Amino acid sequence: MSSCSTTSPQARRAIGGPRLDQPVARILDIPFCVAGGIRTLADAEQVLSCGAEKISINSPALADPELIDALSERFGAQCVVVGIDSQTVGEDYRVSGSRAKRLEP
């Protein structure tokens, strides 16, 4: 059985959680990006070793901006995507999520 877990962050972290019998890359014929639950270099290593071409981080990038550089240096800038959920609040833009803050123009 492969060490590749489902894309659910909770399932990836669950001990003995659901696992895929073979890497997703063997099933898909296209490049794919995995988002959710990637908070460390080790999390990214696991996802990329399962065949993902890219990883996407959102809240962890806001919580620890240095993680972006660390991931980029370790795996290459071409495979690191930062997802930003934002909303308009009056004349301002705010990042949505667990680390919401005002975006400066």
PDB file of N, CA and C in Angstrom:
ATOM      1  N   MET A   1       0.832  -1.173   0.000  1.00  0.00           N
ATOM      2  CA  MET A   1       0.000   0.000   0.000  1.00  0.00           C
ATOM      3  C   MET A   1       0.880   1.241   0.000  1.00  0.00           C
ATOM      4  N   SER A   2       0.506   2.251  -0.752  1.00  0.00           N
ATOM      5  CA  SER A   2       1.261   3.482  -0.858  1.00  0.00           C
ATOM      6  C   SER A   2       1.122   4.319   0.407  1.00  0.00           C
ATOM      7  N   SER A   3       2.080   5.213   0.617  1.00  0.00           N
ATOM      8  CA  SER A   3       1.968   6.130   1.744  1.00  0.00           C
ATOM      9  C   SER A   3       1.179   7.374   1.361  1.00  0.00           C
ATOM     10  N   CYS A   4       0.634   7.410   0.160  1.00  0.00           N
ATOM     11  CA  CYS A   4      -0.146   8.562  -0.283  1.00  0.00           C
ATOM     12  C   CYS A   4      -1.532   8.516   0.335  1.00  0.00           C
ATOM     13  N   SER A   5      -1.915   9.612   0.959  1.00  0.00           N
ATOM     14  CA  SER A   5      -3.212   9.694   1.607  1.00  0.00           C
ATOM     15  C   SER A   5      -4.199  10.407   0.709  1.00  0.00           C
ATOM     16  N   THR A   6      -5.443  10.450   1.156  1.00  0.00           N
ATOM     17  CA  THR A   6      -6.446  11.221   0.434  1.00  0.00           C
ATOM     18  C   THR A   6      -6.069  12.686   0.509  1.00  0.00           C
ATOM     19  N   THR A   7      -6.752  13.531  -0.266  1.00  0.00           N
ATOM     20  CA  THR A   7      -6.432  14.948  -0.257  1.00  0.00           C
ATOM     21  C   THR A   7      -7.072  15.682   0.915  1.00  0.00           C
ATOM     22  N   SER A   8      -7.884  15.027   1.699  1.00  0.00           N
ATOM     23  CA  SER A   8      -8.460  15.663   2.879  1.00  0.00           C
ATOM     24  C   SER A   8      -7.363  15.880   3.916  1.00  0.00           C
ATOM     25  N   PRO A   9      -7.204  17.130   4.403  1.00  0.00           N
ATOM     26  CA  PRO A   9      -6.169  17.372   5.419  1.00  0.00           C
ATOM     27  C   PRO A   9      -6.367  16.499   6.650  1.00  0.00           C
ATOM     28  N   GLN A  10      -7.608  16.308   7.064  1.00  0.00           N
ATOM     29  CA  GLN A  10      -7.869  15.488   8.245  1.00  0.00           C
ATOM     30  C   GLN A  10      -7.478  14.042   7.998  1.00  0.00           C
ATOM     31  N   ALA A  11      -7.777  13.535   6.833  1.00  0.00           N
ATOM     32  CA  ALA A  11      -7.435  12.147   6.520  1.00  0.00           C
ATOM     33  C   ALA A  11      -5.930  11.967   6.403  1.00  0.00           C
ATOM     34  N   ARG A  12      -5.232  12.986   5.847  1.00  0.00           N
ATOM     35  CA  ARG A  12      -3.776  12.886   5.736  1.00  0.00           C
ATOM     36  C   ARG A  12      -3.132  12.834   7.110  1.00  0.00           C
ATOM     37  N   ARG A  13      -3.740  13.490   8.087  1.00  0.00           N
ATOM     38  CA  ARG A  13      -3.168  13.541   9.421  1.00  0.00           C
ATOM     39  C   ARG A  13      -3.629  12.394  10.315  1.00  0.00           C
ATOM     40  N   ALA A  14      -4.671  11.713   9.918  1.00  0.00           N
ATOM     41  CA  ALA A  14      -5.201  10.638  10.766  1.00  0.00           C
ATOM     42  C   ALA A  14      -4.280   9.427  10.711  1.00  0.00           C
ATOM     43  N   ILE A  15      -3.935   8.915  11.841  1.00  0.00           N
ATOM     44  CA  ILE A  15      -3.114   7.707  11.877  1.00  0.00           C
ATOM     45  C   ILE A  15      -3.976   6.559  11.412  1.00  0.00           C
ATOM     46  N   GLY A  16      -3.497   5.862  10.429  1.00  0.00           N
ATOM     47  CA  GLY A  16      -4.284   4.763   9.878  1.00  0.00           C
ATOM     48  C   GLY A  16      -5.452   5.240   9.046  1.00  0.00           C
ATOM     49  N   GLY A  17      -5.434   6.521   8.669  1.00  0.00           N
ATOM     50  CA  GLY A  17      -6.522   7.081   7.869  1.00  0.00           C
ATOM     51  C   GLY A  17      -6.559   6.461   6.479  1.00  0.00           C
ATOM     52  N   PRO A  18      -7.581   6.823   5.691  1.00  0.00           N
ATOM     53  CA  PRO A  18      -7.715   6.267   4.343  1.00  0.00           C
ATOM     54  C   PRO A  18      -6.470   6.530   3.510  1.00  0.00           C
ATOM     55  N   ARG A  19      -6.027   5.535   2.797  1.00  0.00           N
ATOM     56  CA  ARG A  19      -4.847   5.663   1.943  1.00  0.00           C
ATOM     57  C   ARG A  19      -5.216   5.211   0.534  1.00  0.00           C
ATOM     58  N   LEU A  20      -4.474   5.748  -0.420  1.00  0.00           N
ATOM     59  CA  LEU A  20      -4.663   5.323  -1.803  1.00  0.00           C
ATOM     60  C   LEU A  20      -3.785   4.115  -2.054  1.00  0.00           C
ATOM     61  N   ASP A  21      -4.290   3.184  -2.828  1.00  0.00           N
ATOM     62  CA  ASP A  21      -3.515   1.984  -3.116  1.00  0.00           C
ATOM     63  C   ASP A  21      -2.369   2.238  -4.063  1.00  0.00           C
ATOM     64  N   GLN A  22      -2.465   3.273  -4.849  1.00  0.00           N
ATOM     65  CA  GLN A  22      -1.373   3.632  -5.745  1.00  0.00           C
ATOM     66  C   GLN A  22      -1.320   5.145  -5.855  1.00  0.00           C
ATOM     67  N   PRO A  23      -0.185   5.703  -6.182  1.00  0.00           N
ATOM     68  CA  PRO A  23      -0.099   7.156  -6.298  1.00  0.00           C
ATOM     69  C   PRO A  23      -1.107   7.707  -7.299  1.00  0.00           C
ATOM     70  N   VAL A  24      -1.657   8.850  -6.972  1.00  0.00           N
ATOM     71  CA  VAL A  24      -2.646   9.500  -7.829  1.00  0.00           C
ATOM     72  C   VAL A  24      -2.080   9.734  -9.218  1.00  0.00           C
ATOM     73  N   ALA A  25      -0.802  10.013  -9.311  1.00  0.00           N
ATOM     74  CA  ALA A  25      -0.176  10.283 -10.608  1.00  0.00           C
ATOM     75  C   ALA A  25      -0.298   9.108 -11.565  1.00  0.00           C
ATOM     76  N   ARG A  26      -0.412   7.893 -11.053  1.00  0.00           N
ATOM     77  CA  ARG A  26      -0.567   6.727 -11.931  1.00  0.00           C
ATOM     78  C   ARG A  26      -1.972   6.640 -12.498  1.00  0.00           C
ATOM     79  N   ILE A  27      -2.920   7.301 -11.847  1.00  0.00           N
ATOM     80  CA  ILE A  27      -4.314   7.265 -12.279  1.00  0.00           C
ATOM     81  C   ILE A  27      -4.607   8.410 -13.236  1.00  0.00           C
ATOM     82  N   LEU A  28      -4.058   9.585 -12.913  1.00  0.00           N
ATOM     83  CA  LEU A  28      -4.312  10.773 -13.730  1.00  0.00           C
ATOM     84  C   LEU A  28      -3.270  10.906 -14.830  1.00  0.00           C
ATOM     85  N   ASP A  29      -3.708  11.428 -15.946  1.00  0.00           N
ATOM     86  CA  ASP A  29      -2.831  11.664 -17.084  1.00  0.00           C
ATOM     87  C   ASP A  29      -2.449  13.129 -17.217  1.00  0.00           C
ATOM     88  N   ILE A  30      -2.798  13.926 -16.221  1.00  0.00           N
ATOM     89  CA  ILE A  30      -2.561  15.362 -16.284  1.00  0.00           C
ATOM     90  C   ILE A  30      -1.818  15.820 -15.031  1.00  0.00           C
ATOM     91  N   PRO A  31      -1.105  16.926 -15.133  1.00  0.00           N
ATOM     92  CA  PRO A  31      -0.486  17.479 -13.928  1.00  0.00           C
ATOM     93  C   PRO A  31      -1.574  17.891 -12.951  1.00  0.00           C
ATOM     94  N   PHE A  32      -1.311  17.754 -11.647  1.00  0.00           N
ATOM     95  CA  PHE A  32      -2.307  18.170 -10.669  1.00  0.00           C
ATOM     96  C   PHE A  32      -1.656  18.846  -9.485  1.00  0.00           C
ATOM     97  N   CYS A  33      -2.460  19.659  -8.811  1.00  0.00           N
ATOM     98  CA  CYS A  33      -2.034  20.441  -7.657  1.00  0.00           C
ATOM     99  C   CYS A  33      -2.859  19.990  -6.456  1.00  0.00           C
ATOM    100  N   VAL A  34      -2.205  19.853  -5.316  1.00  0.00           N
ATOM    101  CA  VAL A  34      -2.896  19.462  -4.090  1.00  0.00           C
ATOM    102  C   VAL A  34      -2.886  20.653  -3.140  1.00  0.00           C
ATOM    103  N   ALA A  35      -4.057  20.954  -2.575  1.00  0.00           N
ATOM    104  CA  ALA A  35      -4.199  22.047  -1.614  1.00  0.00           C
ATOM    105  C   ALA A  35      -4.863  21.514  -0.356  1.00  0.00           C
ATOM    106  N   GLY A  36      -4.572  22.141   0.752  1.00  0.00           N
ATOM    107  CA  GLY A  36      -5.211  21.773   2.017  1.00  0.00           C
ATOM    108  C   GLY A  36      -4.316  20.877   2.845  1.00  0.00           C
ATOM    109  N   GLY A  37      -4.063  21.301   4.061  1.00  0.00           N
ATOM    110  CA  GLY A  37      -3.306  20.472   4.991  1.00  0.00           C
ATOM    111  C   GLY A  37      -1.804  20.512   4.837  1.00  0.00           C
ATOM    112  N   ILE A  38      -1.297  21.357   3.958  1.00  0.00           N
ATOM    113  CA  ILE A  38       0.154  21.450   3.764  1.00  0.00           C
ATOM    114  C   ILE A  38       0.655  22.594   4.626  1.00  0.00           C
ATOM    115  N   ARG A  39       1.266  22.243   5.756  1.00  0.00           N
ATOM    116  CA  ARG A  39       1.715  23.240   6.726  1.00  0.00           C
ATOM    117  C   ARG A  39       3.220  23.196   6.980  1.00  0.00           C
ATOM    118  N   THR A  40       3.872  22.164   6.476  1.00  0.00           N
ATOM    119  CA  THR A  40       5.298  21.992   6.738  1.00  0.00           C
ATOM    120  C   THR A  40       5.996  21.463   5.484  1.00  0.00           C
ATOM    121  N   LEU A  41       7.334  21.494   5.517  1.00  0.00           N
ATOM    122  CA  LEU A  41       8.100  20.896   4.420  1.00  0.00           C
ATOM    123  C   LEU A  41       7.804  19.406   4.315  1.00  0.00           C
ATOM    124  N   ALA A  42       7.625  18.747   5.459  1.00  0.00           N
ATOM    125  CA  ALA A  42       7.329  17.307   5.451  1.00  0.00           C
ATOM    126  C   ALA A  42       5.977  17.027   4.797  1.00  0.00           C
ATOM    127  N   ASP A  43       4.979  17.879   5.067  1.00  0.00           N
ATOM    128  CA  ASP A  43       3.670  17.704   4.419  1.00  0.00           C
ATOM    129  C   ASP A  43       3.818  17.821   2.907  1.00  0.00           C
ATOM    130  N   ALA A  44       4.571  18.830   2.468  1.00  0.00           N
ATOM    131  CA  ALA A  44       4.778  19.035   1.036  1.00  0.00           C
ATOM    132  C   ALA A  44       5.533  17.865   0.423  1.00  0.00           C
ATOM    133  N   GLU A  45       6.554  17.392   1.111  1.00  0.00           N
ATOM    134  CA  GLU A  45       7.338  16.241   0.629  1.00  0.00           C
ATOM    135  C   GLU A  45       6.441  15.036   0.391  1.00  0.00           C
ATOM    136  N   GLN A  46       5.541  14.772   1.328  1.00  0.00           N
ATOM    137  CA  GLN A  46       4.650  13.624   1.186  1.00  0.00           C
ATOM    138  C   GLN A  46       3.755  13.766  -0.040  1.00  0.00           C
ATOM    139  N   VAL A  47       3.152  14.939  -0.192  1.00  0.00           N
ATOM    140  CA  VAL A  47       2.235  15.161  -1.316  1.00  0.00           C
ATOM    141  C   VAL A  47       2.984  15.081  -2.648  1.00  0.00           C
ATOM    142  N   LEU A  48       4.143  15.727  -2.731  1.00  0.00           N
ATOM    143  CA  LEU A  48       4.906  15.709  -3.980  1.00  0.00           C
ATOM    144  C   LEU A  48       5.449  14.316  -4.296  1.00  0.00           C
ATOM    145  N   SER A  49       5.812  13.566  -3.277  1.00  0.00           N
ATOM    146  CA  SER A  49       6.318  12.208  -3.522  1.00  0.00           C
ATOM    147  C   SER A  49       5.221  11.281  -4.032  1.00  0.00           C
ATOM    148  N   CYS A  50       3.987  11.675  -3.830  1.00  0.00           N
ATOM    149  CA  CYS A  50       2.856  10.889  -4.336  1.00  0.00           C
ATOM    150  C   CYS A  50       2.526  11.231  -5.783  1.00  0.00           C
ATOM    151  N   GLY A  51       3.218  12.223  -6.346  1.00  0.00           N
ATOM    152  CA  GLY A  51       3.040  12.513  -7.758  1.00  0.00           C
ATOM    153  C   GLY A  51       2.422  13.854  -8.097  1.00  0.00           C
ATOM    154  N   ALA A  52       2.051  14.644  -7.100  1.00  0.00           N
ATOM    155  CA  ALA A  52       1.518  15.977  -7.398  1.00  0.00           C
ATOM    156  C   ALA A  52       2.608  16.805  -8.059  1.00  0.00           C
ATOM    157  N   GLU A  53       2.222  17.621  -9.028  1.00  0.00           N
ATOM    158  CA  GLU A  53       3.187  18.494  -9.683  1.00  0.00           C
ATOM    159  C   GLU A  53       3.362  19.801  -8.911  1.00  0.00           C
ATOM    160  N   LYS A  54       2.293  20.222  -8.265  1.00  0.00           N
ATOM    161  CA  LYS A  54       2.304  21.465  -7.510  1.00  0.00           C
ATOM    162  C   LYS A  54       1.601  21.278  -6.176  1.00  0.00           C
ATOM    163  N   ILE A  55       1.947  22.168  -5.239  1.00  0.00           N
ATOM    164  CA  ILE A  55       1.245  22.233  -3.965  1.00  0.00           C
ATOM    165  C   ILE A  55       0.735  23.661  -3.811  1.00  0.00           C
ATOM    166  N   SER A  56      -0.387  23.806  -3.128  1.00  0.00           N
ATOM    167  CA  SER A  56      -0.953  25.124  -2.884  1.00  0.00           C
ATOM    168  C   SER A  56      -1.144  25.314  -1.390  1.00  0.00           C
ATOM    169  N   ILE A  57      -0.679  26.455  -0.895  1.00  0.00           N
ATOM    170  CA  ILE A  57      -0.879  26.767   0.515  1.00  0.00           C
ATOM    171  C   ILE A  57      -1.651  28.076   0.611  1.00  0.00           C
ATOM    172  N   ASN A  58      -2.448  28.208   1.669  1.00  0.00           N
ATOM    173  CA  ASN A  58      -3.251  29.398   1.867  1.00  0.00           C
ATOM    174  C   ASN A  58      -3.012  29.921   3.280  1.00  0.00           C
ATOM    175  N   SER A  59      -3.791  29.475   4.245  1.00  0.00           N
ATOM    176  CA  SER A  59      -3.654  29.946   5.632  1.00  0.00           C
ATOM    177  C   SER A  59      -2.241  29.770   6.185  1.00  0.00           C
ATOM    178  N   PRO A  60      -1.560  28.651   5.906  1.00  0.00           N
ATOM    179  CA  PRO A  60      -0.193  28.519   6.418  1.00  0.00           C
ATOM    180  C   PRO A  60       0.760  29.612   5.885  1.00  0.00           C
ATOM    181  N   ALA A  61       0.497  30.112   4.680  1.00  0.00           N
ATOM    182  CA  ALA A  61       1.331  31.184   4.130  1.00  0.00           C
ATOM    183  C   ALA A  61       1.127  32.484   4.908  1.00  0.00           C
ATOM    184  N   LEU A  62      -0.092  32.712   5.376  1.00  0.00           N
ATOM    185  CA  LEU A  62      -0.367  33.901   6.183  1.00  0.00           C
ATOM    186  C   LEU A  62       0.197  33.747   7.587  1.00  0.00           C
ATOM    187  N   ALA A  63       0.081  32.553   8.131  1.00  0.00           N
ATOM    188  CA  ALA A  63       0.572  32.292   9.489  1.00  0.00           C
ATOM    189  C   ALA A  63       2.094  32.307   9.554  1.00  0.00           C
ATOM    190  N   ASP A  64       2.741  31.845   8.494  1.00  0.00           N
ATOM    191  CA  ASP A  64       4.203  31.721   8.473  1.00  0.00           C
ATOM    192  C   ASP A  64       4.717  32.046   7.068  1.00  0.00           C
ATOM    193  N   PRO A  65       4.828  33.342   6.724  1.00  0.00           N
ATOM    194  CA  PRO A  65       5.270  33.723   5.377  1.00  0.00           C
ATOM    195  C   PRO A  65       6.614  33.120   4.969  1.00  0.00           C
ATOM    196  N   GLU A  66       7.477  32.816   5.935  1.00  0.00           N
ATOM    197  CA  GLU A  66       8.771  32.206   5.607  1.00  0.00           C
ATOM    198  C   GLU A  66       8.607  30.805   5.024  1.00  0.00           C
ATOM    199  N   LEU A  67       7.444  30.187   5.261  1.00  0.00           N
ATOM    200  CA  LEU A  67       7.177  28.864   4.699  1.00  0.00           C
ATOM    201  C   LEU A  67       7.199  28.907   3.171  1.00  0.00           C
ATOM    202  N   ILE A  68       6.746  30.016   2.592  1.00  0.00           N
ATOM    203  CA  ILE A  68       6.736  30.157   1.130  1.00  0.00           C
ATOM    204  C   ILE A  68       8.155  30.039   0.593  1.00  0.00           C
ATOM    205  N   ASP A  69       9.081  30.781   1.187  1.00  0.00           N
ATOM    206  CA  ASP A  69      10.485  30.721   0.753  1.00  0.00           C
ATOM    207  C   ASP A  69      11.074  29.334   0.972  1.00  0.00           C
ATOM    208  N   ALA A  70      10.787  28.742   2.129  1.00  0.00           N
ATOM    209  CA  ALA A  70      11.342  27.415   2.438  1.00  0.00           C
ATOM    210  C   ALA A  70      10.857  26.376   1.426  1.00  0.00           C
ATOM    211  N   LEU A  71       9.571  26.410   1.098  1.00  0.00           N
ATOM    212  CA  LEU A  71       9.030  25.464   0.114  1.00  0.00           C
ATOM    213  C   LEU A  71       9.645  25.706  -1.258  1.00  0.00           C
ATOM    214  N   SER A  72       9.741  26.971  -1.638  1.00  0.00           N
ATOM    215  CA  SER A  72      10.304  27.330  -2.935  1.00  0.00           C
ATOM    216  C   SER A  72      11.762  26.903  -3.058  1.00  0.00           C
ATOM    217  N   GLU A  73      12.538  27.132  -2.006  1.00  0.00           N
ATOM    218  CA  GLU A  73      13.952  26.740  -2.031  1.00  0.00           C
ATOM    219  C   GLU A  73      14.111  25.228  -2.079  1.00  0.00           C
ATOM    220  N   ARG A  74      13.271  24.517  -1.359  1.00  0.00           N
ATOM    221  CA  ARG A  74      13.393  23.054  -1.275  1.00  0.00           C
ATOM    222  C   ARG A  74      12.889  22.345  -2.529  1.00  0.00           C
ATOM    223  N   PHE A  75      11.735  22.812  -3.064  1.00  0.00           N
ATOM    224  CA  PHE A  75      11.085  22.079  -4.157  1.00  0.00           C
ATOM    225  C   PHE A  75      11.063  22.832  -5.485  1.00  0.00           C
ATOM    226  N   GLY A  76      11.442  24.096  -5.477  1.00  0.00           N
ATOM    227  CA  GLY A  76      11.426  24.900  -6.693  1.00  0.00           C
ATOM    228  C   GLY A  76      10.177  25.767  -6.761  1.00  0.00           C
ATOM    229  N   ALA A  77      10.369  27.016  -7.171  1.00  0.00           N
ATOM    230  CA  ALA A  77       9.270  27.975  -7.235  1.00  0.00           C
ATOM    231  C   ALA A  77       8.162  27.524  -8.179  1.00  0.00           C
ATOM    232  N   GLN A  78       8.500  26.716  -9.183  1.00  0.00           N
ATOM    233  CA  GLN A  78       7.505  26.292 -10.163  1.00  0.00           C
ATOM    234  C   GLN A  78       6.429  25.389  -9.568  1.00  0.00           C
ATOM    235  N   CYS A  79       6.659  24.828  -8.390  1.00  0.00           N
ATOM    236  CA  CYS A  79       5.649  23.910  -7.850  1.00  0.00           C
ATOM    237  C   CYS A  79       4.934  24.446  -6.619  1.00  0.00           C
ATOM    238  N   VAL A  80       5.202  25.708  -6.245  1.00  0.00           N
ATOM    239  CA  VAL A  80       4.567  26.285  -5.063  1.00  0.00           C
ATOM    240  C   VAL A  80       3.567  27.359  -5.493  1.00  0.00           C
ATOM    241  N   VAL A  81       2.318  27.165  -5.112  1.00  0.00           N
ATOM    242  CA  VAL A  81       1.244  28.105  -5.412  1.00  0.00           C
ATOM    243  C   VAL A  81       0.716  28.633  -4.085  1.00  0.00           C
ATOM    244  N   VAL A  82       0.514  29.943  -4.009  1.00  0.00           N
ATOM    245  CA  VAL A  82      -0.102  30.525  -2.821  1.00  0.00           C
ATOM    246  C   VAL A  82      -1.508  30.952  -3.201  1.00  0.00           C
ATOM    247  N   GLY A  83      -2.484  30.344  -2.555  1.00  0.00           N
ATOM    248  CA  GLY A  83      -3.883  30.688  -2.783  1.00  0.00           C
ATOM    249  C   GLY A  83      -4.289  31.799  -1.834  1.00  0.00           C
ATOM    250  N   ILE A  84      -4.958  32.822  -2.364  1.00  0.00           N
ATOM    251  CA  ILE A  84      -5.403  33.930  -1.535  1.00  0.00           C
ATOM    252  C   ILE A  84      -6.905  34.092  -1.708  1.00  0.00           C
ATOM    253  N   ASP A  85      -7.634  33.863  -0.634  1.00  0.00           N
ATOM    254  CA  ASP A  85      -9.079  34.101  -0.622  1.00  0.00           C
ATOM    255  C   ASP A  85      -9.280  35.508  -0.086  1.00  0.00           C
ATOM    256  N   SER A  86      -9.910  36.376  -0.878  1.00  0.00           N
ATOM    257  CA  SER A  86     -10.102  37.750  -0.431  1.00  0.00           C
ATOM    258  C   SER A  86     -11.547  38.177  -0.647  1.00  0.00           C
ATOM    259  N   GLN A  87     -11.891  39.250   0.020  1.00  0.00           N
ATOM    260  CA  GLN A  87     -13.224  39.820  -0.150  1.00  0.00           C
ATOM    261  C   GLN A  87     -13.107  41.333  -0.064  1.00  0.00           C
ATOM    262  N   THR A  88     -14.061  42.024  -0.680  1.00  0.00           N
ATOM    263  CA  THR A  88     -14.105  43.472  -0.614  1.00  0.00           C
ATOM    264  C   THR A  88     -14.925  43.863   0.602  1.00  0.00           C
ATOM    265  N   VAL A  89     -14.365  44.752   1.409  1.00  0.00           N
ATOM    266  CA  VAL A  89     -15.067  45.293   2.574  1.00  0.00           C
ATOM    267  C   VAL A  89     -15.006  46.805   2.432  1.00  0.00           C
ATOM    268  N   GLY A  90     -16.092  47.384   1.972  1.00  0.00           N
ATOM    269  CA  GLY A  90     -16.083  48.818   1.673  1.00  0.00           C
ATOM    270  C   GLY A  90     -15.102  49.094   0.564  1.00  0.00           C
ATOM    271  N   GLU A  91     -14.135  49.946   0.835  1.00  0.00           N
ATOM    272  CA  GLU A  91     -13.102  50.294  -0.148  1.00  0.00           C
ATOM    273  C   GLU A  91     -11.852  49.420  -0.012  1.00  0.00           C
ATOM    274  N   ASP A  92     -11.841  48.572   1.002  1.00  0.00           N
ATOM    275  CA  ASP A  92     -10.675  47.739   1.298  1.00  0.00           C
ATOM    276  C   ASP A  92     -10.845  46.318   0.777  1.00  0.00           C
ATOM    277  N   TYR A  93      -9.733  45.634   0.701  1.00  0.00           N
ATOM    278  CA  TYR A  93      -9.722  44.206   0.426  1.00  0.00           C
ATOM    279  C   TYR A  93      -9.226  43.509   1.685  1.00  0.00           C
ATOM    280  N   ARG A  94      -9.837  42.425   2.023  1.00  0.00           N
ATOM    281  CA  ARG A  94      -9.415  41.659   3.192  1.00  0.00           C
ATOM    282  C   ARG A  94      -9.179  40.211   2.774  1.00  0.00           C
ATOM    283  N   VAL A  95      -8.140  39.654   3.357  1.00  0.00           N
ATOM    284  CA  VAL A  95      -7.869  38.237   3.141  1.00  0.00           C
ATOM    285  C   VAL A  95      -8.851  37.461   3.995  1.00  0.00           C
ATOM    286  N   SER A  96      -9.524  36.503   3.401  1.00  0.00           N
ATOM    287  CA  SER A  96     -10.458  35.663   4.139  1.00  0.00           C
ATOM    288  C   SER A  96      -9.715  34.479   4.700  1.00  0.00           C
ATOM    289  N   GLY A  97     -10.203  33.930   5.780  1.00  0.00           N
ATOM    290  CA  GLY A  97      -9.592  32.741   6.346  1.00  0.00           C
ATOM    291  C   GLY A  97      -9.217  32.942   7.791  1.00  0.00           C
ATOM    292  N   SER A  98      -8.457  31.994   8.296  1.00  0.00           N
ATOM    293  CA  SER A  98      -8.134  31.993   9.718  1.00  0.00           C
ATOM    294  C   SER A  98      -7.201  33.130  10.117  1.00  0.00           C
ATOM    295  N   ARG A  99      -6.499  33.713   9.187  1.00  0.00           N
ATOM    296  CA  ARG A  99      -5.573  34.809   9.490  1.00  0.00           C
ATOM    297  C   ARG A  99      -5.982  36.069   8.720  1.00  0.00           C
ATOM    298  N   ALA A 100      -7.263  36.388   8.702  1.00  0.00           N
ATOM    299  CA  ALA A 100      -7.766  37.514   7.921  1.00  0.00           C
ATOM    300  C   ALA A 100      -7.091  38.809   8.327  1.00  0.00           C
ATOM    301  N   LYS A 101      -6.749  39.619   7.335  1.00  0.00           N
ATOM    302  CA  LYS A 101      -6.166  40.932   7.588  1.00  0.00           C
ATOM    303  C   LYS A 101      -6.405  41.821   6.383  1.00  0.00           C
ATOM    304  N   ARG A 102      -6.211  43.119   6.599  1.00  0.00           N
ATOM    305  CA  ARG A 102      -6.397  44.087   5.531  1.00  0.00           C
ATOM    306  C   ARG A 102      -5.219  44.006   4.570  1.00  0.00           C
ATOM    307  N   LEU A 103      -5.516  44.048   3.265  1.00  0.00           N
ATOM    308  CA  LEU A 103      -4.464  44.082   2.256  1.00  0.00           C
ATOM    309  C   LEU A 103      -4.171  45.532   1.910  1.00  0.00           C
ATOM    310  N   GLU A 104      -2.913  45.899   1.963  1.00  0.00           N
ATOM    311  CA  GLU A 104      -2.513  47.243   1.598  1.00  0.00           C
ATOM    312  C   GLU A 104      -2.446  47.343   0.070  1.00  0.00           C
ATOM    313  N   PRO A 105      -2.935  48.458  -0.510  1.00  0.00           N
ATOM    314  CA  PRO A 105      -2.894  48.619  -1.986  1.00  0.00           C
ATOM    315  C   PRO A 105      -1.470  48.682  -2.504  1.00  0.00           C
TER     316      PRO A 105
END
